[in-house]
Amino acid sequence: MPRPTLDAAPLEFDPVIKFMHWLTVLLIVTVFVLAFSIDLVPATVKQIFLQLHRSFGLTIWIVTLARLVWRQFTRFPNWPATMSRPMRFATSASEYALYVLLLTQPLFGLIYTGAHGDRVDLFFFGTLPAVTGPDRPFASQMHELHENTGYLLLALIALHAAAGLYHHFARRDNTPTAMLPNRLDVRSKQKQRVTS
């Protein structure tokens, strides 16, 4: 969805977009911490970590889908006037690439789980039906794809964060602040300090 170019565009993202953005960040951190901890924890709790990893991964899929739906009903801040067209294209492309990975990564994990002969016990409330039957060779391929997509996702997240820092500290166009909570309150307090 292209960003608005009207002067009446909002100064920041709406509260729903902000909430889902930072919820996604929290969920991603949780999923990767669990993923990297599974082989380090005692065998007695390994299954708990694994099921939580799967549950939070599917939660990311649901939240990402909700974000894509909500995007159709909200308005976005204008691009900074100093931001070139190629930079805007790169920003949009990386944003949609993140959405693609956030949607496919959990699905790869879900398919791998079924092919490995396991099930997802969603937050220990109930077991989801397997999307595929046991198939160890296929499971091995899906596991590799799931892992590689995870590393690619981490790389893209790092690029996304670096771009935000670049805009904030080098270009000083305040692009990242449009996603921060209570941005208008901070801005109004800054104005009050300047005028006082």
N, C-alpha and C. Protein backbone atom coordinates (compact mmCIF):
# COMPACT_ATOMS: atom_id res chain seq x y z
N MET A 1 0.85 -1.19 0.00
CA MET A 1 0.00 0.00 0.00
C MET A 1 0.88 1.24 0.00
N PRO A 2 0.76 2.13 -1.02
CA PRO A 2 1.61 3.31 -1.07
C PRO A 2 1.28 4.28 0.04
N ARG A 3 2.28 5.01 0.46
CA ARG A 3 2.05 5.99 1.51
C ARG A 3 1.38 7.22 0.92
N PRO A 4 0.63 7.98 1.74
CA PRO A 4 -0.06 9.16 1.23
C PRO A 4 0.92 10.26 0.89
N THR A 5 0.51 11.14 0.02
CA THR A 5 1.33 12.30 -0.33
C THR A 5 0.60 13.59 0.01
N LEU A 6 -0.54 13.49 0.66
CA LEU A 6 -1.31 14.67 1.01
C LEU A 6 -0.74 15.33 2.26
N ASP A 7 -0.93 16.65 2.37
CA ASP A 7 -0.46 17.37 3.54
C ASP A 7 -1.21 16.93 4.80
N ALA A 8 -2.42 16.39 4.61
CA ALA A 8 -3.25 15.98 5.74
C ALA A 8 -2.86 14.61 6.28
N ALA A 9 -1.82 14.03 5.75
CA ALA A 9 -1.39 12.71 6.22
C ALA A 9 -1.00 12.79 7.69
N PRO A 10 -1.21 11.71 8.45
CA PRO A 10 -0.84 11.74 9.88
C PRO A 10 0.66 11.86 10.07
N LEU A 11 1.04 12.36 11.24
CA LEU A 11 2.45 12.52 11.56
C LEU A 11 3.09 11.21 12.01
N GLU A 12 2.27 10.27 12.42
CA GLU A 12 2.79 9.01 12.93
C GLU A 12 1.83 7.88 12.57
N PHE A 13 2.29 6.65 12.75
CA PHE A 13 1.45 5.49 12.50
C PHE A 13 0.37 5.40 13.57
N ASP A 14 -0.78 4.81 13.20
CA ASP A 14 -1.87 4.74 14.16
C ASP A 14 -1.54 3.75 15.28
N PRO A 15 -2.24 3.82 16.42
CA PRO A 15 -1.92 2.99 17.58
C PRO A 15 -1.98 1.49 17.31
N VAL A 16 -2.87 1.05 16.43
CA VAL A 16 -2.98 -0.39 16.14
C VAL A 16 -1.73 -0.88 15.42
N ILE A 17 -1.29 -0.12 14.41
CA ILE A 17 -0.07 -0.48 13.69
C ILE A 17 1.12 -0.49 14.64
N LYS A 18 1.21 0.52 15.49
CA LYS A 18 2.32 0.57 16.45
C LYS A 18 2.30 -0.64 17.37
N PHE A 19 1.12 -0.95 17.90
CA PHE A 19 1.01 -2.08 18.82
C PHE A 19 1.43 -3.38 18.15
N MET A 20 0.94 -3.62 16.93
CA MET A 20 1.27 -4.87 16.25
C MET A 20 2.74 -4.91 15.85
N HIS A 21 3.32 -3.75 15.52
CA HIS A 21 4.75 -3.70 15.19
C HIS A 21 5.60 -4.13 16.38
N TRP A 22 5.34 -3.52 17.55
CA TRP A 22 6.17 -3.82 18.71
C TRP A 22 5.84 -5.18 19.31
N LEU A 23 4.60 -5.63 19.13
CA LEU A 23 4.26 -7.00 19.53
C LEU A 23 5.03 -8.00 18.68
N THR A 24 5.14 -7.71 17.38
CA THR A 24 5.90 -8.58 16.48
C THR A 24 7.37 -8.63 16.89
N VAL A 25 7.93 -7.48 17.24
CA VAL A 25 9.32 -7.43 17.70
C VAL A 25 9.50 -8.33 18.92
N LEU A 26 8.60 -8.20 19.89
CA LEU A 26 8.67 -9.00 21.11
C LEU A 26 8.54 -10.50 20.80
N LEU A 27 7.61 -10.84 19.91
CA LEU A 27 7.41 -12.24 19.55
C LEU A 27 8.63 -12.81 18.83
N ILE A 28 9.24 -12.02 17.94
CA ILE A 28 10.42 -12.48 17.20
C ILE A 28 11.58 -12.74 18.17
N VAL A 29 11.80 -11.81 19.09
CA VAL A 29 12.86 -12.03 20.09
C VAL A 29 12.60 -13.30 20.87
N THR A 30 11.35 -13.50 21.28
CA THR A 30 10.99 -14.69 22.06
C THR A 30 11.23 -15.97 21.26
N VAL A 31 10.80 -15.97 20.00
CA VAL A 31 10.95 -17.15 19.15
C VAL A 31 12.42 -17.52 18.96
N PHE A 32 13.26 -16.52 18.70
CA PHE A 32 14.66 -16.83 18.45
C PHE A 32 15.40 -17.21 19.73
N VAL A 33 15.04 -16.60 20.85
CA VAL A 33 15.64 -17.00 22.13
C VAL A 33 15.30 -18.46 22.42
N LEU A 34 14.03 -18.82 22.20
CA LEU A 34 13.62 -20.21 22.42
C LEU A 34 14.34 -21.15 21.45
N ALA A 35 14.44 -20.74 20.17
CA ALA A 35 15.08 -21.59 19.16
C ALA A 35 16.54 -21.87 19.51
N PHE A 36 17.26 -20.83 19.94
CA PHE A 36 18.67 -21.01 20.25
C PHE A 36 18.89 -21.67 21.61
N SER A 37 17.82 -21.78 22.41
CA SER A 37 17.94 -22.38 23.75
C SER A 37 17.59 -23.86 23.77
N ILE A 38 16.88 -24.33 22.75
CA ILE A 38 16.36 -25.70 22.76
C ILE A 38 17.47 -26.74 22.97
N ASP A 39 18.61 -26.55 22.32
CA ASP A 39 19.70 -27.53 22.44
C ASP A 39 20.56 -27.30 23.68
N LEU A 40 20.25 -26.25 24.44
CA LEU A 40 21.07 -25.92 25.62
C LEU A 40 20.39 -26.28 26.93
N VAL A 41 19.07 -26.47 26.89
CA VAL A 41 18.33 -26.72 28.13
C VAL A 41 18.33 -28.22 28.44
N PRO A 42 18.06 -28.58 29.68
CA PRO A 42 17.98 -30.02 30.04
C PRO A 42 16.88 -30.72 29.24
N ALA A 43 17.07 -32.02 29.04
CA ALA A 43 16.13 -32.80 28.25
C ALA A 43 14.72 -32.78 28.83
N THR A 44 14.63 -32.57 30.16
CA THR A 44 13.31 -32.59 30.81
C THR A 44 12.43 -31.41 30.40
N VAL A 45 13.05 -30.31 29.97
CA VAL A 45 12.26 -29.13 29.59
C VAL A 45 12.38 -28.82 28.10
N LYS A 46 13.12 -29.63 27.37
CA LYS A 46 13.34 -29.37 25.94
C LYS A 46 12.03 -29.34 25.17
N GLN A 47 11.11 -30.26 25.48
CA GLN A 47 9.84 -30.31 24.77
C GLN A 47 9.00 -29.07 25.05
N ILE A 48 9.10 -28.54 26.26
CA ILE A 48 8.37 -27.31 26.60
C ILE A 48 8.88 -26.16 25.76
N PHE A 49 10.19 -26.01 25.66
CA PHE A 49 10.78 -24.94 24.86
C PHE A 49 10.39 -25.09 23.40
N LEU A 50 10.39 -26.32 22.92
CA LEU A 50 10.06 -26.58 21.52
C LEU A 50 8.61 -26.21 21.22
N GLN A 51 7.70 -26.61 22.10
CA GLN A 51 6.29 -26.29 21.88
C GLN A 51 6.01 -24.79 22.01
N LEU A 52 6.71 -24.13 22.91
CA LEU A 52 6.56 -22.68 23.02
C LEU A 52 7.10 -21.98 21.78
N HIS A 53 8.22 -22.47 21.27
CA HIS A 53 8.79 -21.94 20.03
C HIS A 53 7.78 -22.05 18.88
N ARG A 54 7.16 -23.21 18.76
CA ARG A 54 6.16 -23.42 17.71
C ARG A 54 4.94 -22.53 17.93
N SER A 55 4.49 -22.42 19.16
CA SER A 55 3.29 -21.64 19.47
C SER A 55 3.51 -20.15 19.19
N PHE A 56 4.64 -19.62 19.64
CA PHE A 56 4.93 -18.21 19.39
C PHE A 56 5.17 -17.96 17.90
N GLY A 57 5.74 -18.93 17.20
CA GLY A 57 5.94 -18.80 15.76
C GLY A 57 4.62 -18.66 15.02
N LEU A 58 3.64 -19.48 15.39
CA LEU A 58 2.32 -19.37 14.76
C LEU A 58 1.62 -18.08 15.16
N THR A 59 1.90 -17.59 16.36
CA THR A 59 1.34 -16.30 16.78
C THR A 59 1.88 -15.18 15.90
N ILE A 60 3.16 -15.25 15.54
CA ILE A 60 3.74 -14.27 14.63
C ILE A 60 3.00 -14.29 13.30
N TRP A 61 2.69 -15.48 12.80
CA TRP A 61 1.96 -15.61 11.53
C TRP A 61 0.61 -14.93 11.62
N ILE A 62 -0.11 -15.13 12.72
CA ILE A 62 -1.43 -14.53 12.90
C ILE A 62 -1.33 -13.01 12.99
N VAL A 63 -0.38 -12.51 13.78
CA VAL A 63 -0.21 -11.06 13.95
C VAL A 63 0.19 -10.41 12.63
N THR A 64 1.07 -11.06 11.87
CA THR A 64 1.49 -10.51 10.58
C THR A 64 0.32 -10.44 9.62
N LEU A 65 -0.49 -11.47 9.59
CA LEU A 65 -1.67 -11.46 8.73
C LEU A 65 -2.62 -10.33 9.14
N ALA A 66 -2.79 -10.14 10.44
CA ALA A 66 -3.65 -9.06 10.94
C ALA A 66 -3.09 -7.69 10.54
N ARG A 67 -1.76 -7.54 10.58
CA ARG A 67 -1.13 -6.28 10.17
C ARG A 67 -1.40 -5.99 8.70
N LEU A 68 -1.29 -7.00 7.86
CA LEU A 68 -1.52 -6.80 6.43
C LEU A 68 -2.97 -6.42 6.16
N VAL A 69 -3.89 -7.00 6.92
CA VAL A 69 -5.31 -6.63 6.76
C VAL A 69 -5.53 -5.21 7.24
N TRP A 70 -4.99 -4.87 8.40
CA TRP A 70 -5.21 -3.54 8.97
C TRP A 70 -4.60 -2.44 8.09
N ARG A 71 -3.52 -2.76 7.41
CA ARG A 71 -2.89 -1.77 6.51
C ARG A 71 -3.86 -1.23 5.46
N GLN A 72 -4.86 -2.02 5.12
CA GLN A 72 -5.81 -1.60 4.09
C GLN A 72 -6.80 -0.57 4.62
N PHE A 73 -6.85 -0.38 5.92
CA PHE A 73 -7.85 0.50 6.51
C PHE A 73 -7.24 1.67 7.27
N THR A 74 -5.95 1.86 7.16
CA THR A 74 -5.31 2.94 7.89
C THR A 74 -4.52 3.82 6.94
N ARG A 75 -4.05 4.94 7.45
CA ARG A 75 -3.26 5.87 6.65
C ARG A 75 -1.85 5.96 7.23
N PHE A 76 -0.89 6.20 6.36
CA PHE A 76 0.51 6.22 6.76
C PHE A 76 1.07 7.64 6.72
N PRO A 77 2.10 7.91 7.51
CA PRO A 77 2.76 9.22 7.41
C PRO A 77 3.38 9.42 6.03
N ASN A 78 3.54 10.68 5.66
CA ASN A 78 4.22 10.98 4.40
C ASN A 78 5.67 10.52 4.43
N TRP A 79 6.21 10.26 3.25
CA TRP A 79 7.65 10.06 3.15
C TRP A 79 8.33 11.38 3.48
N PRO A 80 9.52 11.36 4.08
CA PRO A 80 10.27 12.61 4.26
C PRO A 80 10.55 13.25 2.90
N ALA A 81 10.47 14.55 2.82
CA ALA A 81 10.66 15.26 1.55
C ALA A 81 12.06 15.04 0.99
N THR A 82 13.03 14.78 1.85
CA THR A 82 14.41 14.60 1.41
C THR A 82 14.72 13.16 0.99
N MET A 83 13.74 12.30 1.06
CA MET A 83 13.97 10.89 0.76
C MET A 83 13.79 10.64 -0.73
N SER A 84 14.83 10.15 -1.39
CA SER A 84 14.79 9.96 -2.83
C SER A 84 13.86 8.81 -3.21
N ARG A 85 13.48 8.77 -4.48
CA ARG A 85 12.60 7.70 -4.96
C ARG A 85 13.26 6.31 -4.82
N PRO A 86 14.55 6.15 -5.20
CA PRO A 86 15.16 4.83 -5.00
C PRO A 86 15.18 4.40 -3.53
N MET A 87 15.39 5.36 -2.62
CA MET A 87 15.39 5.02 -1.20
C MET A 87 14.00 4.61 -0.73
N ARG A 88 12.98 5.28 -1.27
CA ARG A 88 11.61 4.90 -0.92
C ARG A 88 11.29 3.50 -1.44
N PHE A 89 11.75 3.22 -2.65
CA PHE A 89 11.52 1.89 -3.23
C PHE A 89 12.21 0.82 -2.39
N ALA A 90 13.48 1.09 -1.99
CA ALA A 90 14.22 0.12 -1.19
C ALA A 90 13.55 -0.11 0.15
N THR A 91 13.02 0.96 0.74
CA THR A 91 12.33 0.83 2.03
C THR A 91 11.08 -0.03 1.88
N SER A 92 10.28 0.24 0.85
CA SER A 92 9.06 -0.55 0.62
C SER A 92 9.40 -2.00 0.31
N ALA A 93 10.43 -2.22 -0.51
CA ALA A 93 10.80 -3.58 -0.88
C ALA A 93 11.24 -4.38 0.34
N SER A 94 12.05 -3.78 1.21
CA SER A 94 12.51 -4.48 2.40
C SER A 94 11.36 -4.73 3.37
N GLU A 95 10.42 -3.80 3.41
CA GLU A 95 9.25 -3.96 4.29
C GLU A 95 8.41 -5.16 3.85
N TYR A 96 8.16 -5.26 2.55
CA TYR A 96 7.35 -6.37 2.05
C TYR A 96 8.12 -7.69 2.12
N ALA A 97 9.44 -7.62 1.98
CA ALA A 97 10.25 -8.83 2.14
C ALA A 97 10.14 -9.35 3.57
N LEU A 98 10.10 -8.43 4.53
CA LEU A 98 9.91 -8.83 5.92
C LEU A 98 8.57 -9.52 6.11
N TYR A 99 7.53 -8.96 5.51
CA TYR A 99 6.20 -9.58 5.61
C TYR A 99 6.21 -10.98 5.03
N VAL A 100 6.85 -11.14 3.87
CA VAL A 100 6.90 -12.46 3.23
C VAL A 100 7.60 -13.47 4.14
N LEU A 101 8.72 -13.08 4.73
CA LEU A 101 9.45 -14.00 5.59
C LEU A 101 8.68 -14.30 6.88
N LEU A 102 8.01 -13.28 7.42
CA LEU A 102 7.24 -13.49 8.65
C LEU A 102 6.04 -14.41 8.42
N LEU A 103 5.57 -14.47 7.18
CA LEU A 103 4.46 -15.37 6.86
C LEU A 103 4.94 -16.77 6.49
N THR A 104 6.06 -16.85 5.79
CA THR A 104 6.52 -18.16 5.32
C THR A 104 7.30 -18.93 6.38
N GLN A 105 8.07 -18.24 7.21
CA GLN A 105 8.91 -18.91 8.21
C GLN A 105 8.08 -19.80 9.14
N PRO A 106 6.97 -19.32 9.73
CA PRO A 106 6.17 -20.21 10.58
C PRO A 106 5.55 -21.37 9.80
N LEU A 107 5.18 -21.13 8.55
CA LEU A 107 4.58 -22.20 7.76
C LEU A 107 5.60 -23.30 7.47
N PHE A 108 6.84 -22.91 7.18
CA PHE A 108 7.89 -23.91 6.98
C PHE A 108 8.07 -24.75 8.25
N GLY A 109 8.03 -24.07 9.39
CA GLY A 109 8.16 -24.78 10.66
C GLY A 109 7.00 -25.73 10.91
N LEU A 110 5.80 -25.28 10.55
CA LEU A 110 4.61 -26.12 10.74
C LEU A 110 4.66 -27.36 9.85
N ILE A 111 5.07 -27.16 8.60
CA ILE A 111 5.20 -28.29 7.67
C ILE A 111 6.28 -29.25 8.14
N TYR A 112 7.41 -28.68 8.59
CA TYR A 112 8.50 -29.53 9.11
C TYR A 112 8.03 -30.36 10.30
N THR A 113 7.25 -29.74 11.19
CA THR A 113 6.77 -30.44 12.39
C THR A 113 5.95 -31.67 12.00
N GLY A 114 5.03 -31.50 11.05
CA GLY A 114 4.20 -32.62 10.61
C GLY A 114 5.01 -33.68 9.90
N ALA A 115 5.93 -33.26 9.03
CA ALA A 115 6.74 -34.22 8.28
C ALA A 115 7.68 -34.99 9.20
N HIS A 116 8.03 -34.38 10.31
CA HIS A 116 8.91 -35.05 11.28
C HIS A 116 8.13 -36.01 12.16
N GLY A 117 6.81 -35.99 12.05
CA GLY A 117 5.99 -36.87 12.86
C GLY A 117 5.56 -36.27 14.18
N ASP A 118 5.73 -34.95 14.33
CA ASP A 118 5.36 -34.27 15.57
C ASP A 118 4.08 -33.47 15.36
N ARG A 119 3.59 -32.88 16.42
CA ARG A 119 2.42 -32.02 16.39
C ARG A 119 2.72 -30.73 17.13
N VAL A 120 1.93 -29.70 16.85
CA VAL A 120 2.03 -28.44 17.58
C VAL A 120 0.99 -28.44 18.69
N ASP A 121 1.46 -28.34 19.92
CA ASP A 121 0.57 -28.20 21.07
C ASP A 121 0.50 -26.71 21.38
N LEU A 122 -0.53 -26.05 20.85
CA LEU A 122 -0.60 -24.59 20.87
C LEU A 122 -0.76 -24.06 22.29
N PHE A 123 0.35 -23.58 22.85
CA PHE A 123 0.40 -23.06 24.22
C PHE A 123 -0.20 -24.05 25.22
N PHE A 124 -0.09 -25.34 24.88
CA PHE A 124 -0.51 -26.44 25.76
C PHE A 124 -2.02 -26.46 26.00
N PHE A 125 -2.77 -25.78 25.12
CA PHE A 125 -4.23 -25.80 25.22
C PHE A 125 -4.85 -26.86 24.32
N GLY A 126 -4.17 -27.24 23.28
CA GLY A 126 -4.71 -28.22 22.36
C GLY A 126 -3.74 -28.49 21.23
N THR A 127 -3.80 -29.68 20.69
CA THR A 127 -2.90 -30.09 19.62
C THR A 127 -3.51 -29.78 18.26
N LEU A 128 -2.75 -29.11 17.42
CA LEU A 128 -3.22 -28.80 16.07
C LEU A 128 -3.05 -30.02 15.17
N PRO A 129 -3.95 -30.19 14.21
CA PRO A 129 -3.79 -31.31 13.27
C PRO A 129 -2.55 -31.10 12.40
N ALA A 130 -1.91 -32.18 12.04
CA ALA A 130 -0.71 -32.12 11.19
C ALA A 130 -1.11 -31.71 9.77
N VAL A 131 -0.30 -30.87 9.15
CA VAL A 131 -0.59 -30.42 7.78
C VAL A 131 -0.02 -31.39 6.75
N THR A 132 0.83 -32.30 7.21
CA THR A 132 1.40 -33.31 6.32
C THR A 132 1.74 -34.56 7.12
N GLY A 133 1.80 -35.68 6.45
CA GLY A 133 2.14 -36.92 7.12
C GLY A 133 3.64 -37.06 7.32
N PRO A 134 4.04 -38.01 8.16
CA PRO A 134 5.48 -38.22 8.41
C PRO A 134 6.24 -38.54 7.13
N ASP A 135 7.34 -37.86 6.94
CA ASP A 135 8.19 -38.07 5.76
C ASP A 135 9.56 -37.51 6.13
N ARG A 136 10.43 -38.35 6.64
CA ARG A 136 11.71 -37.88 7.17
C ARG A 136 12.59 -37.16 6.15
N PRO A 137 12.76 -37.67 4.92
CA PRO A 137 13.57 -36.92 3.94
C PRO A 137 13.00 -35.52 3.68
N PHE A 138 11.67 -35.45 3.53
CA PHE A 138 11.03 -34.15 3.32
C PHE A 138 11.18 -33.27 4.55
N ALA A 139 11.09 -33.88 5.73
CA ALA A 139 11.25 -33.13 6.98
C ALA A 139 12.64 -32.51 7.06
N SER A 140 13.64 -33.26 6.63
CA SER A 140 15.01 -32.75 6.65
C SER A 140 15.15 -31.52 5.75
N GLN A 141 14.53 -31.58 4.57
CA GLN A 141 14.57 -30.45 3.64
C GLN A 141 13.86 -29.24 4.22
N MET A 142 12.69 -29.48 4.85
CA MET A 142 11.92 -28.38 5.42
C MET A 142 12.63 -27.77 6.63
N HIS A 143 13.32 -28.60 7.39
CA HIS A 143 14.07 -28.09 8.54
C HIS A 143 15.19 -27.16 8.08
N GLU A 144 15.87 -27.57 7.02
CA GLU A 144 16.94 -26.73 6.47
C GLU A 144 16.37 -25.42 5.93
N LEU A 145 15.23 -25.51 5.24
CA LEU A 145 14.59 -24.30 4.71
C LEU A 145 14.13 -23.40 5.84
N HIS A 146 13.57 -23.99 6.89
CA HIS A 146 13.12 -23.23 8.05
C HIS A 146 14.28 -22.49 8.72
N GLU A 147 15.39 -23.17 8.87
CA GLU A 147 16.57 -22.55 9.49
C GLU A 147 17.14 -21.44 8.62
N ASN A 148 17.31 -21.72 7.33
CA ASN A 148 17.88 -20.71 6.43
C ASN A 148 16.99 -19.48 6.32
N THR A 149 15.68 -19.69 6.29
CA THR A 149 14.76 -18.56 6.27
C THR A 149 14.87 -17.76 7.55
N GLY A 150 15.09 -18.45 8.66
CA GLY A 150 15.28 -17.76 9.93
C GLY A 150 16.50 -16.86 9.93
N TYR A 151 17.60 -17.37 9.40
CA TYR A 151 18.82 -16.54 9.32
C TYR A 151 18.62 -15.36 8.38
N LEU A 152 17.92 -15.60 7.28
CA LEU A 152 17.62 -14.51 6.35
C LEU A 152 16.74 -13.46 7.02
N LEU A 153 15.78 -13.92 7.82
CA LEU A 153 14.91 -13.01 8.54
C LEU A 153 15.71 -12.16 9.53
N LEU A 154 16.62 -12.79 10.25
CA LEU A 154 17.46 -12.05 11.18
C LEU A 154 18.30 -10.99 10.46
N ALA A 155 18.84 -11.35 9.30
CA ALA A 155 19.64 -10.40 8.52
C ALA A 155 18.80 -9.21 8.07
N LEU A 156 17.58 -9.49 7.62
CA LEU A 156 16.72 -8.41 7.15
C LEU A 156 16.27 -7.53 8.30
N ILE A 157 16.02 -8.13 9.47
CA ILE A 157 15.67 -7.34 10.65
C ILE A 157 16.82 -6.43 11.04
N ALA A 158 18.05 -6.95 10.98
CA ALA A 158 19.23 -6.15 11.30
C ALA A 158 19.35 -4.98 10.32
N LEU A 159 19.10 -5.25 9.04
CA LEU A 159 19.14 -4.19 8.02
C LEU A 159 18.06 -3.15 8.29
N HIS A 160 16.87 -3.61 8.67
CA HIS A 160 15.75 -2.73 8.98
C HIS A 160 16.10 -1.81 10.16
N ALA A 161 16.68 -2.39 11.20
CA ALA A 161 17.07 -1.60 12.37
C ALA A 161 18.18 -0.62 12.04
N ALA A 162 19.15 -1.08 11.23
CA ALA A 162 20.26 -0.20 10.84
C ALA A 162 19.75 0.97 10.00
N ALA A 163 18.80 0.71 9.12
CA ALA A 163 18.23 1.79 8.31
C ALA A 163 17.51 2.80 9.19
N GLY A 164 16.81 2.31 10.20
CA GLY A 164 16.14 3.22 11.13
C GLY A 164 17.12 4.10 11.87
N LEU A 165 18.22 3.51 12.33
CA LEU A 165 19.25 4.30 13.02
C LEU A 165 19.90 5.30 12.07
N TYR A 166 20.12 4.88 10.83
CA TYR A 166 20.71 5.78 9.83
C TYR A 166 19.80 7.00 9.60
N HIS A 167 18.50 6.74 9.45
CA HIS A 167 17.56 7.84 9.23
C HIS A 167 17.53 8.78 10.44
N HIS A 168 17.60 8.20 11.63
CA HIS A 168 17.46 9.02 12.83
C HIS A 168 18.71 9.83 13.13
N PHE A 169 19.88 9.19 13.03
CA PHE A 169 21.10 9.86 13.46
C PHE A 169 21.87 10.53 12.32
N ALA A 170 21.84 9.98 11.12
CA ALA A 170 22.60 10.55 10.00
C ALA A 170 21.74 11.53 9.19
N ARG A 171 20.58 11.07 8.77
CA ARG A 171 19.72 11.94 7.96
C ARG A 171 18.87 12.88 8.81
N ARG A 172 18.63 12.50 10.06
CA ARG A 172 17.85 13.30 11.00
C ARG A 172 16.48 13.68 10.45
N ASP A 173 15.83 12.70 9.76
CA ASP A 173 14.50 12.98 9.21
C ASP A 173 13.38 12.42 10.09
N ASN A 174 13.78 11.86 11.26
CA ASN A 174 12.82 11.39 12.26
C ASN A 174 11.86 10.32 11.74
N THR A 175 12.26 9.62 10.68
CA THR A 175 11.40 8.55 10.16
C THR A 175 11.07 7.49 11.21
N PRO A 176 12.05 7.00 11.99
CA PRO A 176 11.73 5.95 12.96
C PRO A 176 10.79 6.40 14.06
N THR A 177 10.80 7.71 14.40
CA THR A 177 9.99 8.17 15.52
C THR A 177 8.49 8.07 15.24
N ALA A 178 8.12 7.94 13.96
CA ALA A 178 6.71 7.79 13.62
C ALA A 178 6.13 6.48 14.14
N MET A 179 7.01 5.52 14.48
CA MET A 179 6.55 4.23 14.98
C MET A 179 6.70 4.11 16.50
N LEU A 180 7.33 5.10 17.13
CA LEU A 180 7.53 5.03 18.57
C LEU A 180 6.25 5.40 19.31
N PRO A 181 6.01 4.80 20.47
CA PRO A 181 4.83 5.16 21.27
C PRO A 181 4.93 6.60 21.78
N ASN A 182 3.78 7.27 21.85
CA ASN A 182 3.68 8.61 22.42
C ASN A 182 4.61 9.62 21.77
N ARG A 183 4.80 9.53 20.47
CA ARG A 183 5.72 10.43 19.78
C ARG A 183 5.26 11.87 19.86
N LEU A 184 3.95 12.12 19.73
CA LEU A 184 3.44 13.49 19.76
C LEU A 184 3.65 14.12 21.13
N ASP A 185 3.51 13.31 22.19
CA ASP A 185 3.73 13.83 23.54
C ASP A 185 5.18 14.27 23.70
N VAL A 186 6.11 13.43 23.18
CA VAL A 186 7.53 13.78 23.26
C VAL A 186 7.81 15.06 22.48
N ARG A 187 7.24 15.15 21.27
CA ARG A 187 7.47 16.33 20.44
C ARG A 187 6.92 17.59 21.11
N SER A 188 5.72 17.50 21.70
CA SER A 188 5.13 18.67 22.35
C SER A 188 5.96 19.10 23.55
N LYS A 189 6.52 18.13 24.31
CA LYS A 189 7.36 18.46 25.44
C LYS A 189 8.64 19.16 24.97
N GLN A 190 9.18 18.69 23.84
CA GLN A 190 10.39 19.33 23.30
C GLN A 190 10.10 20.77 22.89
N LYS A 191 8.92 20.98 22.27
CA LYS A 191 8.55 22.34 21.86
C LYS A 191 8.37 23.25 23.07
N GLN A 192 7.78 22.68 24.14
CA GLN A 192 7.59 23.48 25.34
C GLN A 192 8.93 23.90 25.94
N ARG A 193 9.92 23.01 25.89
CA ARG A 193 11.23 23.36 26.42
C ARG A 193 11.88 24.46 25.61
N VAL A 194 11.68 24.41 24.28
CA VAL A 194 12.29 25.42 23.41
C VAL A 194 11.67 26.78 23.64
N THR A 195 10.34 26.81 23.80
CA THR A 195 9.64 28.08 23.93
C THR A 195 9.71 28.66 25.32
N SER A 196 10.03 27.82 26.33
CA SER A 196 10.06 28.30 27.72
C SER A 196 11.38 28.99 28.05
